[in-house]
Amino acid sequence: SSTHAPINLIAAAVGYRSNAAFTRAFSKQYGITPTEWRRAQTRASGR
């Protein structure tokens, strides 16, 4: 899914108490940070 919501709001919405914990879990799962993923998605969509 795509959103423009700040990473901290996404982290809280899925149950993380801190951005750092969310970023670590995301990076472990996907091999990139949430910010890197968002940039890649933006480039892929031509925005």
PDB file of N, CA and C in Angstrom:
ATOM      1  N   SER A   1       0.842  -1.177   0.000  1.00  0.00           N
ATOM      2  CA  SER A   1       0.000   0.000   0.000  1.00  0.00           C
ATOM      3  C   SER A   1       0.887   1.240   0.000  1.00  0.00           C
ATOM      4  N   SER A   2       0.356   2.323  -0.499  1.00  0.00           N
ATOM      5  CA  SER A   2       1.118   3.561  -0.592  1.00  0.00           C
ATOM      6  C   SER A   2       0.479   4.625   0.283  1.00  0.00           C
ATOM      7  N   THR A   3       1.326   5.401   0.928  1.00  0.00           N
ATOM      8  CA  THR A   3       0.830   6.484   1.769  1.00  0.00           C
ATOM      9  C   THR A   3       1.864   7.590   1.837  1.00  0.00           C
ATOM     10  N   HIS A   4       1.397   8.764   2.127  1.00  0.00           N
ATOM     11  CA  HIS A   4       2.295   9.901   2.332  1.00  0.00           C
ATOM     12  C   HIS A   4       2.407  10.210   3.820  1.00  0.00           C
ATOM     13  N   ALA A   5       1.844   9.365   4.664  1.00  0.00           N
ATOM     14  CA  ALA A   5       1.901   9.575   6.108  1.00  0.00           C
ATOM     15  C   ALA A   5       3.348   9.518   6.588  1.00  0.00           C
ATOM     16  N   PRO A   6       3.670  10.318   7.597  1.00  0.00           N
ATOM     17  CA  PRO A   6       5.019  10.263   8.155  1.00  0.00           C
ATOM     18  C   PRO A   6       5.333   8.868   8.708  1.00  0.00           C
ATOM     19  N   ILE A   7       6.594   8.493   8.621  1.00  0.00           N
ATOM     20  CA  ILE A   7       7.018   7.168   9.077  1.00  0.00           C
ATOM     21  C   ILE A   7       6.646   6.946  10.542  1.00  0.00           C
ATOM     22  N   ASN A   8       6.772   7.982  11.385  1.00  0.00           N
ATOM     23  CA  ASN A   8       6.448   7.798  12.801  1.00  0.00           C
ATOM     24  C   ASN A   8       4.979   7.443  13.004  1.00  0.00           C
ATOM     25  N   LEU A   9       4.086   7.978  12.181  1.00  0.00           N
ATOM     26  CA  LEU A   9       2.666   7.629  12.302  1.00  0.00           C
ATOM     27  C   LEU A   9       2.408   6.203  11.822  1.00  0.00           C
ATOM     28  N   ILE A  10       3.095   5.806  10.778  1.00  0.00           N
ATOM     29  CA  ILE A  10       2.965   4.430  10.290  1.00  0.00           C
ATOM     30  C   ILE A  10       3.474   3.464  11.353  1.00  0.00           C
ATOM     31  N   ALA A  11       4.633   3.782  11.936  1.00  0.00           N
ATOM     32  CA  ALA A  11       5.206   2.932  12.982  1.00  0.00           C
ATOM     33  C   ALA A  11       4.224   2.766  14.144  1.00  0.00           C
ATOM     34  N   ALA A  12       3.652   3.861  14.600  1.00  0.00           N
ATOM     35  CA  ALA A  12       2.696   3.803  15.708  1.00  0.00           C
ATOM     36  C   ALA A  12       1.444   3.019  15.322  1.00  0.00           C
ATOM     37  N   ALA A  13       0.978   3.195  14.101  1.00  0.00           N
ATOM     38  CA  ALA A  13      -0.238   2.516  13.646  1.00  0.00           C
ATOM     39  C   ALA A  13      -0.083   1.003  13.613  1.00  0.00           C
ATOM     40  N   VAL A  14       1.140   0.532  13.397  1.00  0.00           N
ATOM     41  CA  VAL A  14       1.356  -0.915  13.351  1.00  0.00           C
ATOM     42  C   VAL A  14       1.955  -1.453  14.650  1.00  0.00           C
ATOM     43  N   GLY A  15       1.955  -0.624  15.703  1.00  0.00           N
ATOM     44  CA  GLY A  15       2.287  -1.108  17.032  1.00  0.00           C
ATOM     45  C   GLY A  15       3.692  -0.869  17.550  1.00  0.00           C
ATOM     46  N   TYR A  16       4.497  -0.084  16.847  1.00  0.00           N
ATOM     47  CA  TYR A  16       5.847   0.207  17.331  1.00  0.00           C
ATOM     48  C   TYR A  16       5.824   1.458  18.185  1.00  0.00           C
ATOM     49  N   ARG A  17       6.616   1.437  19.250  1.00  0.00           N
ATOM     50  CA  ARG A  17       6.668   2.587  20.154  1.00  0.00           C
ATOM     51  C   ARG A  17       7.686   3.624  19.716  1.00  0.00           C
ATOM     52  N   SER A  18       8.573   3.242  18.798  1.00  0.00           N
ATOM     53  CA  SER A  18       9.576   4.202  18.331  1.00  0.00           C
ATOM     54  C   SER A  18       9.864   3.998  16.853  1.00  0.00           C
ATOM     55  N   ASN A  19      10.297   5.075  16.221  1.00  0.00           N
ATOM     56  CA  ASN A  19      10.700   4.998  14.817  1.00  0.00           C
ATOM     57  C   ASN A  19      11.878   4.054  14.659  1.00  0.00           C
ATOM     58  N   ALA A  20      12.803   4.104  15.618  1.00  0.00           N
ATOM     59  CA  ALA A  20      14.011   3.278  15.524  1.00  0.00           C
ATOM     60  C   ALA A  20      13.666   1.796  15.505  1.00  0.00           C
ATOM     61  N   ALA A  21      12.752   1.372  16.359  1.00  0.00           N
ATOM     62  CA  ALA A  21      12.360  -0.042  16.403  1.00  0.00           C
ATOM     63  C   ALA A  21      11.682  -0.452  15.094  1.00  0.00           C
ATOM     64  N   PHE A  22      10.823   0.404  14.582  1.00  0.00           N
ATOM     65  CA  PHE A  22      10.156   0.123  13.312  1.00  0.00           C
ATOM     66  C   PHE A  22      11.166   0.045  12.174  1.00  0.00           C
ATOM     67  N   THR A  23      12.085   0.999  12.128  1.00  0.00           N
ATOM     68  CA  THR A  23      13.093   1.022  11.067  1.00  0.00           C
ATOM     69  C   THR A  23      13.973  -0.219  11.118  1.00  0.00           C
ATOM     70  N   ARG A  24      14.374  -0.650  12.318  1.00  0.00           N
ATOM     71  CA  ARG A  24      15.180  -1.874  12.448  1.00  0.00           C
ATOM     72  C   ARG A  24      14.417  -3.086  11.933  1.00  0.00           C
ATOM     73  N   ALA A  25      13.168  -3.228  12.332  1.00  0.00           N
ATOM     74  CA  ALA A  25      12.364  -4.377  11.902  1.00  0.00           C
ATOM     75  C   ALA A  25      12.123  -4.342  10.392  1.00  0.00           C
ATOM     76  N   PHE A  26      11.812  -3.182   9.860  1.00  0.00           N
ATOM     77  CA  PHE A  26      11.573  -3.027   8.421  1.00  0.00           C
ATOM     78  C   PHE A  26      12.838  -3.371   7.643  1.00  0.00           C
ATOM     79  N   SER A  27      13.962  -2.835   8.093  1.00  0.00           N
ATOM     80  CA  SER A  27      15.242  -3.081   7.416  1.00  0.00           C
ATOM     81  C   SER A  27      15.624  -4.548   7.450  1.00  0.00           C
ATOM     82  N   LYS A  28      15.378  -5.193   8.570  1.00  0.00           N
ATOM     83  CA  LYS A  28      15.683  -6.623   8.689  1.00  0.00           C
ATOM     84  C   LYS A  28      14.826  -7.432   7.718  1.00  0.00           C
ATOM     85  N   GLN A  29      13.570  -7.064   7.583  1.00  0.00           N
ATOM     86  CA  GLN A  29      12.638  -7.788   6.713  1.00  0.00           C
ATOM     87  C   GLN A  29      12.903  -7.534   5.227  1.00  0.00           C
ATOM     88  N   TYR A  30      13.139  -6.259   4.870  1.00  0.00           N
ATOM     89  CA  TYR A  30      13.195  -5.879   3.455  1.00  0.00           C
ATOM     90  C   TYR A  30      14.580  -5.494   2.936  1.00  0.00           C
ATOM     91  N   GLY A  31      15.542  -5.341   3.834  1.00  0.00           N
ATOM     92  CA  GLY A  31      16.902  -5.021   3.408  1.00  0.00           C
ATOM     93  C   GLY A  31      17.150  -3.557   3.084  1.00  0.00           C
ATOM     94  N   ILE A  32      16.150  -2.708   3.279  1.00  0.00           N
ATOM     95  CA  ILE A  32      16.288  -1.258   3.105  1.00  0.00           C
ATOM     96  C   ILE A  32      15.447  -0.568   4.171  1.00  0.00           C
ATOM     97  N   THR A  33      15.740   0.706   4.413  1.00  0.00           N
ATOM     98  CA  THR A  33      14.959   1.449   5.403  1.00  0.00           C
ATOM     99  C   THR A  33      13.612   1.870   4.811  1.00  0.00           C
ATOM    100  N   PRO A  34      12.660   2.229   5.663  1.00  0.00           N
ATOM    101  CA  PRO A  34      11.379   2.714   5.144  1.00  0.00           C
ATOM    102  C   PRO A  34      11.545   3.939   4.227  1.00  0.00           C
ATOM    103  N   THR A  35      12.455   4.820   4.572  1.00  0.00           N
ATOM    104  CA  THR A  35      12.693   6.004   3.745  1.00  0.00           C
ATOM    105  C   THR A  35      13.254   5.620   2.387  1.00  0.00           C
ATOM    106  N   GLU A  36      14.194   4.685   2.355  1.00  0.00           N
ATOM    107  CA  GLU A  36      14.743   4.214   1.078  1.00  0.00           C
ATOM    108  C   GLU A  36      13.657   3.555   0.236  1.00  0.00           C
ATOM    109  N   TRP A  37      12.798   2.767   0.874  1.00  0.00           N
ATOM    110  CA  TRP A  37      11.696   2.109   0.160  1.00  0.00           C
ATOM    111  C   TRP A  37      10.767   3.155  -0.451  1.00  0.00           C
ATOM    112  N   ARG A  38      10.445   4.174   0.343  1.00  0.00           N
ATOM    113  CA  ARG A  38       9.548   5.226  -0.141  1.00  0.00           C
ATOM    114  C   ARG A  38      10.159   5.954  -1.338  1.00  0.00           C
ATOM    115  N   ARG A  39      11.447   6.266  -1.261  1.00  0.00           N
ATOM    116  CA  ARG A  39      12.124   6.931  -2.393  1.00  0.00           C
ATOM    117  C   ARG A  39      12.082   6.055  -3.641  1.00  0.00           C
ATOM    118  N   ALA A  40      12.338   4.765  -3.469  1.00  0.00           N
ATOM    119  CA  ALA A  40      12.323   3.842  -4.613  1.00  0.00           C
ATOM    120  C   ALA A  40      10.928   3.770  -5.227  1.00  0.00           C
ATOM    121  N   GLN A  41       9.896   3.753  -4.408  1.00  0.00           N
ATOM    122  CA  GLN A  41       8.522   3.701  -4.903  1.00  0.00           C
ATOM    123  C   GLN A  41       8.159   4.984  -5.642  1.00  0.00           C
ATOM    124  N   THR A  42       8.630   6.103  -5.134  1.00  0.00           N
ATOM    125  CA  THR A  42       8.366   7.390  -5.772  1.00  0.00           C
ATOM    126  C   THR A  42       9.023   7.439  -7.146  1.00  0.00           C
ATOM    127  N   ARG A  43      10.284   6.980  -7.230  1.00  0.00           N
ATOM    128  CA  ARG A  43      10.981   6.948  -8.520  1.00  0.00           C
ATOM    129  C   ARG A  43      10.285   5.997  -9.485  1.00  0.00           C
ATOM    130  N   ALA A  44       9.856   4.844  -9.000  1.00  0.00           N
ATOM    131  CA  ALA A  44       9.217   3.837  -9.854  1.00  0.00           C
ATOM    132  C   ALA A  44       7.886   4.337 -10.420  1.00  0.00           C
ATOM    133  N   SER A  45       7.195   5.165  -9.642  1.00  0.00           N
ATOM    134  CA  SER A  45       5.900   5.667 -10.109  1.00  0.00           C
ATOM    135  C   SER A  45       6.043   6.931 -10.952  1.00  0.00           C
ATOM    136  N   GLY A  46       7.272   7.436 -11.070  1.00  0.00           N
ATOM    137  CA  GLY A  46       7.513   8.605 -11.898  1.00  0.00           C
ATOM    138  C   GLY A  46       7.135   9.922 -11.273  1.00  0.00           C
ATOM    139  N   ARG A  47       7.034   9.961  -9.964  1.00  0.00           N
ATOM    140  CA  ARG A  47       6.667  11.212  -9.274  1.00  0.00           C
ATOM    141  C   ARG A  47       7.861  12.088  -9.060  1.00  0.00           C
TER     142      ARG A  47
END
